[in-house]
């Protein structure tokens, strides 16, 4: 999959990584994953351990939910990780990172992360995808808050995730 270029190994552009805490994975995430799977031969969903964020769900649960939600998508694989994303991408020989942008407020943070990743490995490209308007407001933060208050959230997460949570 890799090619030699100026004595450097560069990864194939046919594979991409979409990372996040996915606490939990939402229909907004699935929107981005589905669209990315139509662009790339393989999309690796990399579930970050992110203990610093104090997730509601354990790392194992989040990986399980992501696997359940994406099992029907060809070329989508789920892994857990606890390193810098750019290091994971280098290890896996993947040079495209997918990031979702819901609103202008996401853009500044995601742009900084894209530049930081490129400063560590300039072969890394970041591709920004916007969810459909229907999913533009959906975030894990909103879903967690609704769950905390025992509200209705079934329309915001994949049905496979709901089954896992039961």
C-alpha atoms as a PDB file:
ATOM      1  CA  UNK A   1       0.000   0.000   0.000  1.00  0.00           C
ATOM      2  CA  UNK A   2       2.880   2.365   0.603  1.00  0.00           C
ATOM      3  CA  UNK A   3       4.979   3.973  -2.101  1.00  0.00           C
ATOM      4  CA  UNK A   4       8.562   5.243  -2.057  1.00  0.00           C
ATOM      5  CA  UNK A   5       8.878   8.975  -2.593  1.00  0.00           C
ATOM      6  CA  UNK A   6      12.235  10.659  -2.134  1.00  0.00           C
ATOM      7  CA  UNK A   7      13.342   7.733   0.079  1.00  0.00           C
ATOM      8  CA  UNK A   8      10.372   8.313   2.389  1.00  0.00           C
ATOM      9  CA  UNK A   9       7.524   5.889   2.781  1.00  0.00           C
ATOM     10  CA  UNK A  10       4.201   7.608   2.292  1.00  0.00           C
ATOM     11  CA  UNK A  11       0.875   6.015   2.934  1.00  0.00           C
ATOM     12  CA  UNK A  12      -1.882   5.306   0.500  1.00  0.00           C
ATOM     13  CA  UNK A  13      -4.545   7.942   0.025  1.00  0.00           C
ATOM     14  CA  UNK A  14      -7.082   5.120  -0.255  1.00  0.00           C
ATOM     15  CA  UNK A  15      -7.223   4.769   3.524  1.00  0.00           C
ATOM     16  CA  UNK A  16      -8.238   7.297   6.149  1.00  0.00           C
ATOM     17  CA  UNK A  17      -8.604   7.572   9.923  1.00  0.00           C
ATOM     18  CA  UNK A  18     -11.562   9.181  11.642  1.00  0.00           C
ATOM     19  CA  UNK A  19     -10.795   9.577  15.308  1.00  0.00           C
ATOM     20  CA  UNK A  20     -12.695  10.769  18.314  1.00  0.00           C
ATOM     21  CA  UNK A  21     -13.811   9.905  21.780  1.00  0.00           C
ATOM     22  CA  UNK A  22     -17.192   8.760  20.419  1.00  0.00           C
ATOM     23  CA  UNK A  23     -18.775   9.079  23.871  1.00  0.00           C
ATOM     24  CA  UNK A  24     -21.155   7.776  22.521  1.00  0.00           C
ATOM     25  CA  UNK A  25     -21.030   7.446  18.747  1.00  0.00           C
ATOM     26  CA  UNK A  26     -23.906   9.484  17.302  1.00  0.00           C
ATOM     27  CA  UNK A  27     -25.858   9.788  14.073  1.00  0.00           C
ATOM     28  CA  UNK A  28     -23.684  12.823  13.324  1.00  0.00           C
ATOM     29  CA  UNK A  29     -20.570  10.636  13.521  1.00  0.00           C
ATOM     30  CA  UNK A  30     -22.282   8.015  11.378  1.00  0.00           C
ATOM     31  CA  UNK A  31     -23.085  10.667   8.777  1.00  0.00           C
ATOM     32  CA  UNK A  32     -19.363  11.492   8.457  1.00  0.00           C
ATOM     33  CA  UNK A  33     -18.304   7.805   8.571  1.00  0.00           C
ATOM     34  CA  UNK A  34     -20.773   6.786   5.867  1.00  0.00           C
ATOM     35  CA  UNK A  35     -19.700   9.605   3.589  1.00  0.00           C
ATOM     36  CA  UNK A  36     -16.003   8.902   4.207  1.00  0.00           C
ATOM     37  CA  UNK A  37     -16.571   5.219   3.398  1.00  0.00           C
ATOM     38  CA  UNK A  38     -17.879   6.311  -0.008  1.00  0.00           C
ATOM     39  CA  UNK A  39     -14.644   8.226  -0.643  1.00  0.00           C
ATOM     40  CA  UNK A  40     -12.018   5.828   0.736  1.00  0.00           C
ATOM     41  CA  UNK A  41     -11.458   2.086   0.343  1.00  0.00           C
ATOM     42  CA  UNK A  42     -10.854   1.779   4.085  1.00  0.00           C
ATOM     43  CA  UNK A  43     -11.878   4.048   6.943  1.00  0.00           C
ATOM     44  CA  UNK A  44     -10.403   3.286  10.343  1.00  0.00           C
ATOM     45  CA  UNK A  45     -12.534   4.524  13.207  1.00  0.00           C
ATOM     46  CA  UNK A  46     -10.020   5.209  15.963  1.00  0.00           C
ATOM     47  CA  UNK A  47     -11.686   5.462  19.369  1.00  0.00           C
ATOM     48  CA  UNK A  48      -9.511   7.543  21.690  1.00  0.00           C
ATOM     49  CA  UNK A  49      -9.178   6.439  25.293  1.00  0.00           C
ATOM     50  CA  UNK A  50      -9.264  10.109  26.398  1.00  0.00           C
ATOM     51  CA  UNK A  51      -9.338   9.599  30.163  1.00  0.00           C
ATOM     52  CA  UNK A  52      -8.614  13.325  30.519  1.00  0.00           C
ATOM     53  CA  UNK A  53     -12.113  14.025  29.164  1.00  0.00           C
ATOM     54  CA  UNK A  54     -13.688  11.730  31.790  1.00  0.00           C
ATOM     55  CA  UNK A  55     -15.990   9.951  29.349  1.00  0.00           C
ATOM     56  CA  UNK A  56     -19.406   8.677  30.422  1.00  0.00           C
ATOM     57  CA  UNK A  57     -18.780   5.293  28.788  1.00  0.00           C
ATOM     58  CA  UNK A  58     -15.691   3.109  29.219  1.00  0.00           C
ATOM     59  CA  UNK A  59     -13.194   2.812  26.399  1.00  0.00           C
ATOM     60  CA  UNK A  60     -14.256  -0.798  25.792  1.00  0.00           C
ATOM     61  CA  UNK A  61     -17.936   0.228  25.633  1.00  0.00           C
ATOM     62  CA  UNK A  62     -17.190   3.026  23.171  1.00  0.00           C
ATOM     63  CA  UNK A  63     -15.217   0.670  20.918  1.00  0.00           C
ATOM     64  CA  UNK A  64     -18.063  -1.880  21.156  1.00  0.00           C
ATOM     65  CA  UNK A  65     -20.668   0.769  20.259  1.00  0.00           C
ATOM     66  CA  UNK A  66     -18.638   1.975  17.275  1.00  0.00           C
ATOM     67  CA  UNK A  67     -18.174  -1.596  16.010  1.00  0.00           C
ATOM     68  CA  UNK A  68     -21.904  -2.300  16.348  1.00  0.00           C
ATOM     69  CA  UNK A  69     -22.868   0.942  14.593  1.00  0.00           C
ATOM     70  CA  UNK A  70     -20.500   0.438  11.648  1.00  0.00           C
ATOM     71  CA  UNK A  71     -20.649  -3.333  11.102  1.00  0.00           C
ATOM     72  CA  UNK A  72     -22.828  -2.887   8.012  1.00  0.00           C
ATOM     73  CA  UNK A  73     -20.362  -0.542   6.294  1.00  0.00           C
ATOM     74  CA  UNK A  74     -17.888  -2.157   3.915  1.00  0.00           C
ATOM     75  CA  UNK A  75     -14.273  -1.117   4.491  1.00  0.00           C
ATOM     76  CA  UNK A  76     -14.877   0.412   7.924  1.00  0.00           C
ATOM     77  CA  UNK A  77     -12.813  -0.941  10.808  1.00  0.00           C
ATOM     78  CA  UNK A  78     -12.817   0.134  14.447  1.00  0.00           C
ATOM     79  CA  UNK A  79      -9.825   0.217  16.781  1.00  0.00           C
ATOM     80  CA  UNK A  80      -9.091   1.752  20.159  1.00  0.00           C
ATOM     81  CA  UNK A  81      -5.989   3.839  20.762  1.00  0.00           C
ATOM     82  CA  UNK A  82      -4.164   5.807  23.434  1.00  0.00           C
ATOM     83  CA  UNK A  83      -1.419   7.684  21.562  1.00  0.00           C
ATOM     84  CA  UNK A  84      -1.114  10.792  19.461  1.00  0.00           C
ATOM     85  CA  UNK A  85      -3.351  10.411  16.432  1.00  0.00           C
ATOM     86  CA  UNK A  86      -0.533  11.395  14.093  1.00  0.00           C
ATOM     87  CA  UNK A  87       1.625   8.599  15.578  1.00  0.00           C
ATOM     88  CA  UNK A  88      -1.187   6.098  15.056  1.00  0.00           C
ATOM     89  CA  UNK A  89      -1.603   7.253  11.461  1.00  0.00           C
ATOM     90  CA  UNK A  90       2.127   6.873  10.840  1.00  0.00           C
ATOM     91  CA  UNK A  91       2.157   3.413  12.445  1.00  0.00           C
ATOM     92  CA  UNK A  92      -0.782   2.297  10.285  1.00  0.00           C
ATOM     93  CA  UNK A  93       0.669   3.973   7.165  1.00  0.00           C
ATOM     94  CA  UNK A  94      -2.408   6.137   6.743  1.00  0.00           C
ATOM     95  CA  UNK A  95      -1.898   9.743   5.742  1.00  0.00           C
ATOM     96  CA  UNK A  96      -5.436  11.096   5.625  1.00  0.00           C
ATOM     97  CA  UNK A  97      -7.258  12.151   8.765  1.00  0.00           C
ATOM     98  CA  UNK A  98     -10.996  12.805   8.542  1.00  0.00           C
ATOM     99  CA  UNK A  99     -12.490  15.459  10.801  1.00  0.00           C
ATOM    100  CA  UNK A 100     -16.092  16.569  11.070  1.00  0.00           C
ATOM    101  CA  UNK A 101     -17.133  20.211  11.173  1.00  0.00           C
ATOM    102  CA  UNK A 102     -20.598  20.998  12.507  1.00  0.00           C
ATOM    103  CA  UNK A 103     -20.306  24.725  13.004  1.00  0.00           C
ATOM    104  CA  UNK A 104     -17.876  27.615  12.710  1.00  0.00           C
ATOM    105  CA  UNK A 105     -16.965  27.028  16.369  1.00  0.00           C
ATOM    106  CA  UNK A 106     -15.503  23.609  15.410  1.00  0.00           C
ATOM    107  CA  UNK A 107     -13.411  25.076  12.624  1.00  0.00           C
ATOM    108  CA  UNK A 108     -10.835  26.972  14.694  1.00  0.00           C
ATOM    109  CA  UNK A 109     -10.040  23.990  16.928  1.00  0.00           C
ATOM    110  CA  UNK A 110      -9.940  21.521  14.025  1.00  0.00           C
ATOM    111  CA  UNK A 111      -7.733  23.830  11.956  1.00  0.00           C
ATOM    112  CA  UNK A 112      -5.230  24.076  14.846  1.00  0.00           C
ATOM    113  CA  UNK A 113      -5.217  20.287  15.230  1.00  0.00           C
ATOM    114  CA  UNK A 114      -4.696  19.816  11.492  1.00  0.00           C
ATOM    115  CA  UNK A 115      -1.733  22.193  11.533  1.00  0.00           C
ATOM    116  CA  UNK A 116      -0.289  20.533  14.650  1.00  0.00           C
ATOM    117  CA  UNK A 117      -0.544  17.091  13.036  1.00  0.00           C
ATOM    118  CA  UNK A 118       1.084  18.365   9.836  1.00  0.00           C
ATOM    119  CA  UNK A 119       3.912  19.916  11.893  1.00  0.00           C
ATOM    120  CA  UNK A 120       4.679  16.462  13.317  1.00  0.00           C
ATOM    121  CA  UNK A 121       4.294  14.604  10.012  1.00  0.00           C
ATOM    122  CA  UNK A 122       3.999  16.747   6.894  1.00  0.00           C
ATOM    123  CA  UNK A 123       2.734  13.741   4.885  1.00  0.00           C
ATOM    124  CA  UNK A 124      -0.497  13.865   6.906  1.00  0.00           C
ATOM    125  CA  UNK A 125      -3.465  15.452   5.164  1.00  0.00           C
ATOM    126  CA  UNK A 126      -6.622  16.459   7.016  1.00  0.00           C
ATOM    127  CA  UNK A 127      -9.927  16.258   5.187  1.00  0.00           C
ATOM    128  CA  UNK A 128     -12.846  18.139   6.751  1.00  0.00           C
ATOM    129  CA  UNK A 129     -16.370  16.874   6.152  1.00  0.00           C
ATOM    130  CA  UNK A 130     -19.594  18.551   7.196  1.00  0.00           C
ATOM    131  CA  UNK A 131     -22.562  16.462   8.299  1.00  0.00           C
ATOM    132  CA  UNK A 132     -25.912  16.890   6.629  1.00  0.00           C
ATOM    133  CA  UNK A 133     -28.111  19.658   7.998  1.00  0.00           C
ATOM    134  CA  UNK A 134     -30.232  17.018   9.746  1.00  0.00           C
ATOM    135  CA  UNK A 135     -27.225  15.969  11.861  1.00  0.00           C
ATOM    136  CA  UNK A 136     -25.435  19.313  12.189  1.00  0.00           C
ATOM    137  CA  UNK A 137     -26.578  19.855  15.788  1.00  0.00           C
ATOM    138  CA  UNK A 138     -25.876  16.310  17.024  1.00  0.00           C
ATOM    139  CA  UNK A 139     -22.894  15.943  19.336  1.00  0.00           C
ATOM    140  CA  UNK A 140     -21.827  13.451  21.959  1.00  0.00           C
ATOM    141  CA  UNK A 141     -21.971  16.264  24.524  1.00  0.00           C
ATOM    142  CA  UNK A 142     -25.663  16.866  23.788  1.00  0.00           C
ATOM    143  CA  UNK A 143     -26.423  13.135  23.862  1.00  0.00           C
ATOM    144  CA  UNK A 144     -24.615  12.671  27.208  1.00  0.00           C
ATOM    145  CA  UNK A 145     -26.534  15.569  28.728  1.00  0.00           C
ATOM    146  CA  UNK A 146     -29.852  14.121  27.578  1.00  0.00           C
ATOM    147  CA  UNK A 147     -28.852  10.703  28.976  1.00  0.00           C
ATOM    148  CA  UNK A 148     -27.877  12.271  32.335  1.00  0.00           C
ATOM    149  CA  UNK A 149     -31.379  13.701  32.665  1.00  0.00           C
ATOM    150  CA  UNK A 150     -33.048  10.517  31.430  1.00  0.00           C
ATOM    151  CA  UNK A 151     -34.339  12.236  28.296  1.00  0.00           C
ATOM    152  CA  UNK A 152     -35.215  10.808  24.901  1.00  0.00           C
ATOM    153  CA  UNK A 153     -32.072  10.346  22.809  1.00  0.00           C
ATOM    154  CA  UNK A 154     -32.937   7.331  20.620  1.00  0.00           C
ATOM    155  CA  UNK A 155     -33.208   9.551  17.528  1.00  0.00           C
ATOM    156  CA  UNK A 156     -29.633  10.805  17.989  1.00  0.00           C
ATOM    157  CA  UNK A 157     -27.676   7.530  18.080  1.00  0.00           C
ATOM    158  CA  UNK A 158     -27.635   4.480  15.811  1.00  0.00           C
ATOM    159  CA  UNK A 159     -30.182   1.782  16.734  1.00  0.00           C
ATOM    160  CA  UNK A 160     -27.303  -0.709  17.116  1.00  0.00           C
ATOM    161  CA  UNK A 161     -25.880   1.466  19.899  1.00  0.00           C
ATOM    162  CA  UNK A 162     -29.234   1.557  21.660  1.00  0.00           C
ATOM    163  CA  UNK A 163     -29.289  -2.257  21.607  1.00  0.00           C
ATOM    164  CA  UNK A 164     -25.783  -2.367  23.134  1.00  0.00           C
ATOM    165  CA  UNK A 165     -26.821   0.087  25.864  1.00  0.00           C
ATOM    166  CA  UNK A 166     -29.856  -1.996  26.859  1.00  0.00           C
END
